[in-house]
N, C-alpha and C. Protein backbone atom coordinates (compact mmCIF):
# COMPACT_ATOMS: atom_id res chain seq x y z
N MET A 1 -14.33 -16.16 17.17
CA MET A 1 -15.69 -15.38 17.26
C MET A 1 -16.66 -16.24 16.26
N THR A 2 -17.89 -15.93 16.72
CA THR A 2 -18.88 -16.46 15.92
C THR A 2 -19.07 -15.60 14.47
N ARG A 3 -20.02 -16.01 13.70
CA ARG A 3 -20.16 -15.23 12.71
C ARG A 3 -21.19 -13.81 13.09
N ASP A 4 -22.09 -14.10 14.11
CA ASP A 4 -22.64 -12.82 14.70
C ASP A 4 -21.69 -12.12 15.37
N ASP A 5 -20.76 -12.84 16.14
CA ASP A 5 -19.64 -11.69 16.55
C ASP A 5 -18.80 -10.75 16.00
N GLN A 6 -18.72 -11.35 14.60
CA GLN A 6 -17.84 -10.91 13.37
C GLN A 6 -18.61 -9.57 12.97
N ILE A 7 -19.86 -9.79 12.63
CA ILE A 7 -20.76 -8.98 11.96
C ILE A 7 -20.67 -7.83 13.30
N ALA A 8 -21.02 -8.19 14.43
CA ALA A 8 -21.08 -6.87 15.65
C ALA A 8 -19.96 -6.21 15.60
N LEU A 9 -18.69 -7.01 15.22
CA LEU A 9 -17.49 -5.86 15.59
C LEU A 9 -17.08 -5.18 14.22
N VAL A 10 -17.85 -5.65 12.91
CA VAL A 10 -18.01 -4.50 11.86
C VAL A 10 -18.89 -3.63 12.13
N THR A 11 -19.98 -4.11 12.64
CA THR A 11 -21.18 -2.85 13.23
C THR A 11 -20.50 -1.69 14.24
N ARG A 12 -19.88 -2.15 15.16
CA ARG A 12 -19.29 -1.43 16.10
C ARG A 12 -18.24 -0.31 15.22
N TYR A 13 -17.33 -0.92 14.51
CA TYR A 13 -16.40 -0.36 13.72
C TYR A 13 -17.12 0.84 12.77
N PHE A 14 -17.99 0.72 12.10
CA PHE A 14 -18.49 1.64 11.24
C PHE A 14 -19.43 2.42 12.02
N LYS A 15 -19.96 2.26 13.06
CA LYS A 15 -20.55 3.15 14.00
C LYS A 15 -19.85 4.15 14.48
N ALA A 16 -18.54 3.59 14.83
CA ALA A 16 -17.83 4.55 15.52
C ALA A 16 -17.15 5.46 14.59
N VAL A 17 -16.97 4.97 13.35
CA VAL A 17 -16.60 5.80 11.89
C VAL A 17 -17.44 7.16 11.84
N ASP A 18 -18.81 6.42 11.85
CA ASP A 18 -20.03 7.42 11.32
C ASP A 18 -20.05 8.40 12.47
N ASP A 19 -19.89 8.05 13.70
CA ASP A 19 -20.10 8.85 14.87
C ASP A 19 -18.78 9.85 15.26
N GLU A 20 -17.70 9.49 14.43
CA GLU A 20 -16.62 10.22 14.73
C GLU A 20 -16.42 10.26 16.22
N ASP A 21 -16.21 8.62 16.57
CA ASP A 21 -15.78 8.41 17.90
C ASP A 21 -14.35 7.68 17.80
N LEU A 22 -13.18 8.47 17.95
CA LEU A 22 -11.96 8.06 17.80
C LEU A 22 -11.55 6.83 18.78
N ILE A 23 -12.09 6.95 20.17
CA ILE A 23 -11.70 5.77 21.15
C ILE A 23 -12.52 4.44 20.91
N ALA A 24 -13.68 4.61 20.39
CA ALA A 24 -14.55 3.51 20.14
C ALA A 24 -14.02 2.80 18.90
N LEU A 25 -13.42 3.62 17.70
CA LEU A 25 -12.81 3.04 16.62
C LEU A 25 -11.48 2.30 16.92
N LEU A 26 -10.76 2.90 17.77
CA LEU A 26 -9.19 2.35 18.05
C LEU A 26 -9.57 1.01 18.92
N ASP A 27 -10.54 0.89 19.68
CA ASP A 27 -10.88 -0.06 20.19
C ASP A 27 -11.36 -1.57 19.41
N THR A 28 -11.72 -1.34 18.19
CA THR A 28 -11.78 -2.32 17.15
C THR A 28 -10.83 -2.66 16.71
N LEU A 29 -9.36 -2.03 16.69
CA LEU A 29 -8.21 -2.14 15.62
C LEU A 29 -7.33 -2.75 16.85
N CYS A 30 -6.39 -3.74 16.27
CA CYS A 30 -5.24 -3.94 16.80
C CYS A 30 -4.15 -2.76 17.05
N PRO A 31 -3.60 -2.74 18.17
CA PRO A 31 -2.63 -1.45 18.01
C PRO A 31 -1.53 -1.53 16.85
N ASP A 32 -1.23 -2.94 16.25
CA ASP A 32 -0.28 -2.67 14.90
C ASP A 32 -0.92 -3.11 14.01
N CYS A 33 -2.45 -2.71 13.98
CA CYS A 33 -3.27 -2.89 12.60
C CYS A 33 -2.80 -2.40 11.57
N VAL A 34 -2.74 -3.06 10.24
CA VAL A 34 -2.39 -2.57 8.92
C VAL A 34 -3.66 -1.98 8.16
N PHE A 35 -3.55 -0.81 7.89
CA PHE A 35 -5.08 -0.35 7.43
C PHE A 35 -4.59 0.09 5.78
N SER A 36 -5.18 -0.54 4.70
CA SER A 36 -4.79 -0.26 3.31
C SER A 36 -6.09 0.36 2.69
N VAL A 37 -5.97 1.06 1.86
CA VAL A 37 -6.85 1.41 0.79
C VAL A 37 -6.26 0.79 -0.68
N GLU A 38 -6.85 -0.15 -1.06
CA GLU A 38 -6.05 -0.81 -1.98
C GLU A 38 -6.23 -0.50 -3.36
N THR A 39 -7.32 0.13 -3.74
CA THR A 39 -7.65 0.68 -4.91
C THR A 39 -6.91 2.20 -5.25
N HIS A 40 -6.19 2.74 -3.92
CA HIS A 40 -5.39 3.99 -4.02
C HIS A 40 -4.24 3.76 -3.43
N ASP A 41 -3.54 2.60 -3.36
CA ASP A 41 -2.17 2.72 -2.98
C ASP A 41 -1.90 3.10 -1.68
N VAL A 42 -2.63 3.07 -0.67
CA VAL A 42 -2.33 3.68 0.72
C VAL A 42 -2.32 2.60 1.53
N ARG A 43 -1.15 2.45 2.34
CA ARG A 43 -0.87 1.42 3.46
C ARG A 43 -0.46 2.38 4.73
N LEU A 44 -1.20 2.02 5.73
CA LEU A 44 -1.02 2.63 7.04
C LEU A 44 -0.60 1.59 8.27
N GLU A 45 0.00 1.90 9.02
CA GLU A 45 0.38 0.77 10.17
C GLU A 45 0.24 1.41 11.69
N GLY A 46 -0.67 0.96 12.43
CA GLY A 46 -0.70 1.39 13.69
C GLY A 46 -1.39 2.55 13.83
N HIS A 47 -1.94 2.48 15.16
CA HIS A 47 -3.19 3.29 15.49
C HIS A 47 -2.69 5.09 15.31
N ASP A 48 -1.57 5.29 15.41
CA ASP A 48 -1.16 6.52 15.18
C ASP A 48 -1.45 7.17 13.57
N GLN A 49 -0.99 6.32 12.64
CA GLN A 49 -1.03 6.66 11.34
C GLN A 49 -2.73 6.54 10.94
N ILE A 50 -3.57 5.36 11.65
CA ILE A 50 -4.89 5.28 11.31
C ILE A 50 -5.62 6.54 11.99
N THR A 51 -5.04 7.09 13.10
CA THR A 51 -5.60 8.14 13.63
C THR A 51 -5.70 9.31 12.62
N ALA A 52 -4.63 9.76 12.16
CA ALA A 52 -4.39 11.02 11.65
C ALA A 52 -5.38 10.66 10.22
N MET A 53 -5.60 9.62 9.80
CA MET A 53 -6.34 9.40 8.38
C MET A 53 -7.70 9.58 8.77
N PHE A 54 -8.17 9.08 10.10
CA PHE A 54 -9.70 9.46 10.29
C PHE A 54 -9.82 10.78 10.75
N THR A 55 -9.10 11.45 11.42
CA THR A 55 -9.07 12.76 11.81
C THR A 55 -9.28 13.89 10.59
N ARG A 56 -8.39 13.40 9.60
CA ARG A 56 -8.49 14.28 8.11
C ARG A 56 -9.89 13.89 7.50
N LEU A 57 -10.16 12.64 7.40
CA LEU A 57 -11.60 12.16 6.86
C LEU A 57 -12.83 13.28 7.63
N TRP A 58 -12.84 13.12 9.05
CA TRP A 58 -13.80 13.75 9.98
C TRP A 58 -13.74 15.39 9.46
N HIS A 59 -12.60 15.78 9.43
CA HIS A 59 -12.30 17.48 9.04
C HIS A 59 -13.05 18.10 7.74
N ASP A 60 -12.73 16.83 6.64
CA ASP A 60 -12.95 17.16 5.37
C ASP A 60 -14.23 16.94 4.95
N HIS A 61 -15.20 16.46 5.75
CA HIS A 61 -16.46 16.10 5.50
C HIS A 61 -17.46 16.70 6.90
N ALA A 62 -18.51 16.91 6.32
CA ALA A 62 -19.59 17.43 7.57
C ALA A 62 -20.08 16.13 8.03
N ALA A 63 -20.02 15.08 7.31
CA ALA A 63 -20.79 13.77 8.09
C ALA A 63 -20.39 12.57 6.97
N VAL A 64 -20.02 11.49 7.63
CA VAL A 64 -19.99 10.11 6.73
C VAL A 64 -20.95 9.21 7.25
N LEU A 65 -21.47 8.37 6.10
CA LEU A 65 -22.36 7.59 6.65
C LEU A 65 -22.36 6.34 5.91
N HIS A 66 -22.06 5.11 6.56
CA HIS A 66 -21.80 3.69 5.85
C HIS A 66 -23.30 2.86 5.96
N HIS A 67 -23.67 2.37 4.91
CA HIS A 67 -24.95 1.73 5.22
C HIS A 67 -25.29 0.59 3.99
N GLU A 68 -26.58 -0.08 4.00
CA GLU A 68 -26.92 -0.97 3.33
C GLU A 68 -25.98 -1.94 2.88
N PHE A 69 -25.47 -2.54 4.26
CA PHE A 69 -24.37 -3.70 4.57
C PHE A 69 -24.86 -5.13 3.90
N VAL A 70 -23.84 -5.87 3.30
CA VAL A 70 -23.86 -7.40 3.08
C VAL A 70 -22.62 -7.83 3.71
N HIS A 71 -22.55 -9.03 4.48
CA HIS A 71 -21.51 -9.41 5.33
C HIS A 71 -21.22 -10.69 4.93
N VAL A 72 -20.09 -11.12 4.56
CA VAL A 72 -19.79 -12.48 4.55
C VAL A 72 -18.58 -12.80 5.25
N PRO A 73 -19.17 -13.26 6.66
CA PRO A 73 -18.33 -13.55 7.68
C PRO A 73 -17.78 -15.17 7.62
N ASP A 74 -16.35 -15.33 7.90
CA ASP A 74 -15.77 -16.46 7.95
C ASP A 74 -15.19 -17.08 9.43
N PRO A 75 -15.68 -17.65 10.39
CA PRO A 75 -15.45 -17.64 11.55
C PRO A 75 -13.99 -18.60 11.58
N VAL A 76 -14.04 -19.47 10.39
CA VAL A 76 -12.92 -20.42 10.55
C VAL A 76 -11.73 -19.81 10.35
N THR A 77 -11.58 -18.90 9.24
CA THR A 77 -10.45 -18.30 8.93
C THR A 77 -10.29 -16.92 9.83
N GLY A 78 -11.34 -16.49 10.45
CA GLY A 78 -11.26 -15.27 10.98
C GLY A 78 -11.14 -14.04 10.28
N GLY A 79 -11.89 -14.12 9.07
CA GLY A 79 -12.27 -13.13 8.12
C GLY A 79 -13.51 -12.84 7.96
N ILE A 80 -13.74 -11.59 7.65
CA ILE A 80 -14.99 -11.27 7.10
C ILE A 80 -15.03 -10.12 6.01
N ALA A 81 -15.85 -10.00 5.02
CA ALA A 81 -16.05 -9.26 3.83
C ALA A 81 -17.28 -8.35 4.05
N SER A 82 -17.19 -7.27 3.93
CA SER A 82 -18.34 -6.26 4.00
C SER A 82 -18.35 -5.55 2.64
N ARG A 83 -19.78 -5.58 1.92
CA ARG A 83 -19.98 -4.48 0.98
C ARG A 83 -20.93 -3.48 1.56
N PHE A 84 -20.89 -2.39 0.92
CA PHE A 84 -21.86 -1.21 1.49
C PHE A 84 -21.87 -0.11 0.87
N ALA A 85 -22.66 0.93 1.04
CA ALA A 85 -22.63 1.94 0.40
C ALA A 85 -22.29 2.99 1.25
N VAL A 86 -21.95 4.31 0.88
CA VAL A 86 -21.12 5.08 1.77
C VAL A 86 -21.72 6.63 0.95
N GLN A 87 -22.39 7.33 1.85
CA GLN A 87 -22.45 8.94 1.75
C GLN A 87 -21.56 9.74 2.53
N ASN A 88 -20.83 10.26 1.69
CA ASN A 88 -20.14 11.52 2.69
C ASN A 88 -20.67 12.77 1.89
N THR A 89 -21.09 13.45 3.32
CA THR A 89 -21.56 14.81 3.24
C THR A 89 -20.33 16.03 3.16
N MET A 90 -20.44 16.70 2.14
CA MET A 90 -19.12 17.64 2.01
C MET A 90 -19.54 18.70 2.89
N GLN A 91 -18.40 19.67 3.41
CA GLN A 91 -18.60 20.84 3.88
C GLN A 91 -19.93 21.70 3.61
N ASP A 92 -19.71 21.95 2.22
CA ASP A 92 -20.75 22.46 1.42
C ASP A 92 -22.14 22.10 1.28
N GLY A 93 -22.27 20.85 2.04
CA GLY A 93 -23.41 20.38 1.67
C GLY A 93 -23.70 19.29 0.58
N LYS A 94 -22.85 18.97 -0.26
CA LYS A 94 -22.89 18.45 -1.42
C LYS A 94 -22.87 16.77 -0.86
N LEU A 95 -23.74 15.82 -1.69
CA LEU A 95 -23.42 14.29 -1.16
C LEU A 95 -22.58 13.80 -2.47
N THR A 96 -21.99 12.68 -1.71
CA THR A 96 -21.00 12.06 -2.57
C THR A 96 -21.25 10.45 -2.15
N HIS A 97 -21.66 9.71 -3.14
CA HIS A 97 -22.18 8.40 -2.96
C HIS A 97 -21.22 7.36 -3.65
N LYS A 98 -20.93 6.31 -2.75
CA LYS A 98 -19.91 5.37 -3.36
C LYS A 98 -20.41 3.71 -3.22
N SER A 99 -19.82 2.99 -3.43
CA SER A 99 -19.98 1.34 -3.46
C SER A 99 -18.56 0.91 -2.97
N ASN A 100 -18.51 0.50 -1.60
CA ASN A 100 -17.12 -0.13 -1.30
C ASN A 100 -17.21 -1.50 -0.85
N CYS A 101 -16.15 -2.04 -0.52
CA CYS A 101 -16.01 -3.50 0.11
C CYS A 101 -14.82 -3.27 1.09
N ASN A 102 -14.86 -3.90 2.10
CA ASN A 102 -13.67 -3.94 3.05
C ASN A 102 -13.43 -5.29 3.41
N PHE A 103 -12.38 -5.81 3.48
CA PHE A 103 -11.87 -7.03 4.01
C PHE A 103 -11.11 -6.89 5.43
N PHE A 104 -11.28 -7.60 6.62
CA PHE A 104 -11.28 -7.59 7.66
C PHE A 104 -10.33 -9.03 7.94
N GLU A 105 -9.53 -9.01 8.68
CA GLU A 105 -8.95 -10.09 9.42
C GLU A 105 -8.53 -9.95 10.94
N ILE A 106 -9.19 -10.72 11.56
CA ILE A 106 -9.49 -10.42 13.16
C ILE A 106 -8.59 -11.34 13.78
N ARG A 107 -7.81 -10.74 14.64
CA ARG A 107 -7.18 -11.29 15.87
C ARG A 107 -7.57 -10.68 17.20
N ASP A 108 -7.49 -11.86 18.01
CA ASP A 108 -7.99 -11.56 19.55
C ASP A 108 -9.05 -10.55 19.58
N GLY A 109 -10.20 -10.59 18.84
CA GLY A 109 -11.12 -9.81 18.86
C GLY A 109 -11.18 -8.60 18.31
N ARG A 110 -10.27 -8.24 17.74
CA ARG A 110 -10.04 -6.98 17.01
C ARG A 110 -9.73 -7.13 15.54
N PHE A 111 -9.51 -6.00 14.81
CA PHE A 111 -9.12 -6.32 13.24
C PHE A 111 -7.62 -5.99 13.23
N ALA A 112 -7.04 -6.90 12.83
CA ALA A 112 -5.60 -6.98 12.61
C ALA A 112 -5.27 -6.31 11.05
N THR A 113 -6.04 -6.67 9.94
CA THR A 113 -6.09 -5.86 8.79
C THR A 113 -7.16 -5.42 8.25
N VAL A 114 -7.32 -4.19 7.77
CA VAL A 114 -8.58 -3.61 7.12
C VAL A 114 -8.23 -3.08 6.01
N ARG A 115 -8.71 -3.98 4.63
CA ARG A 115 -8.34 -3.82 3.28
C ARG A 115 -9.44 -3.20 2.68
N VAL A 116 -9.41 -1.89 2.12
CA VAL A 116 -10.72 -1.11 1.62
C VAL A 116 -10.67 -1.03 0.01
N TYR A 117 -11.68 -1.57 -0.61
CA TYR A 117 -11.56 -1.09 -2.17
C TYR A 117 -12.89 -0.25 -2.04
N MET A 118 -12.51 0.96 -2.92
CA MET A 118 -13.44 1.89 -2.74
C MET A 118 -13.59 2.40 -4.54
N THR A 119 -14.82 2.95 -4.76
CA THR A 119 -15.25 3.49 -5.81
C THR A 119 -14.76 5.02 -5.79
N GLY A 120 -14.62 5.55 -7.08
CA GLY A 120 -14.33 7.06 -6.96
C GLY A 120 -13.08 7.61 -6.35
N GLN A 121 -13.25 8.83 -5.91
CA GLN A 121 -12.07 9.36 -5.16
C GLN A 121 -11.70 9.02 -4.03
N ASN A 122 -10.63 9.15 -3.65
CA ASN A 122 -9.71 8.44 -2.45
C ASN A 122 -10.30 9.36 -1.27
N THR A 123 -11.22 9.19 -0.06
CA THR A 123 -11.58 10.13 0.80
C THR A 123 -10.81 9.41 2.13
N LEU A 124 -10.15 8.43 1.74
CA LEU A 124 -9.29 8.13 2.97
C LEU A 124 -7.65 8.36 2.80
N LYS A 125 -7.43 9.57 2.59
CA LYS A 125 -5.86 10.09 2.15
C LYS A 125 -4.98 9.42 3.47
N GLY A 126 -3.80 8.75 3.09
CA GLY A 126 -2.78 8.57 4.21
C GLY A 126 -1.85 9.40 4.06
N THR A 127 -1.02 8.87 5.27
CA THR A 127 0.24 9.74 5.84
C THR A 127 1.43 9.08 5.24
N ALA A 128 1.07 7.66 5.09
CA ALA A 128 2.33 6.64 4.94
C ALA A 128 2.43 6.43 3.35
């Protein structure tokens, strides 16, 4: 993948998260994707565990928004790092703001691993 292709894949991933579009989200992830929240000791493997996590995220929040991206793609190694701001709207309308970084490894045009580093409370609670 080119640098632009890598950035486009990250953009598709976060659009799917913000739009609560599970089908589009899973389309960006390898079926055996390993998803970890490194700052909170969460490790999920495969679509079923990742689906459960995002379903909970969307249920627990009125809205999520990822924006203000800075991407560092590396087509040679197939990885891309992304720094961004997060705005979570709670069910009662209160807003939570975070600054996060994700590190993605790409295999066959999808993410094989997603490693999340987030500030504050863990909003991506895992099942495993």
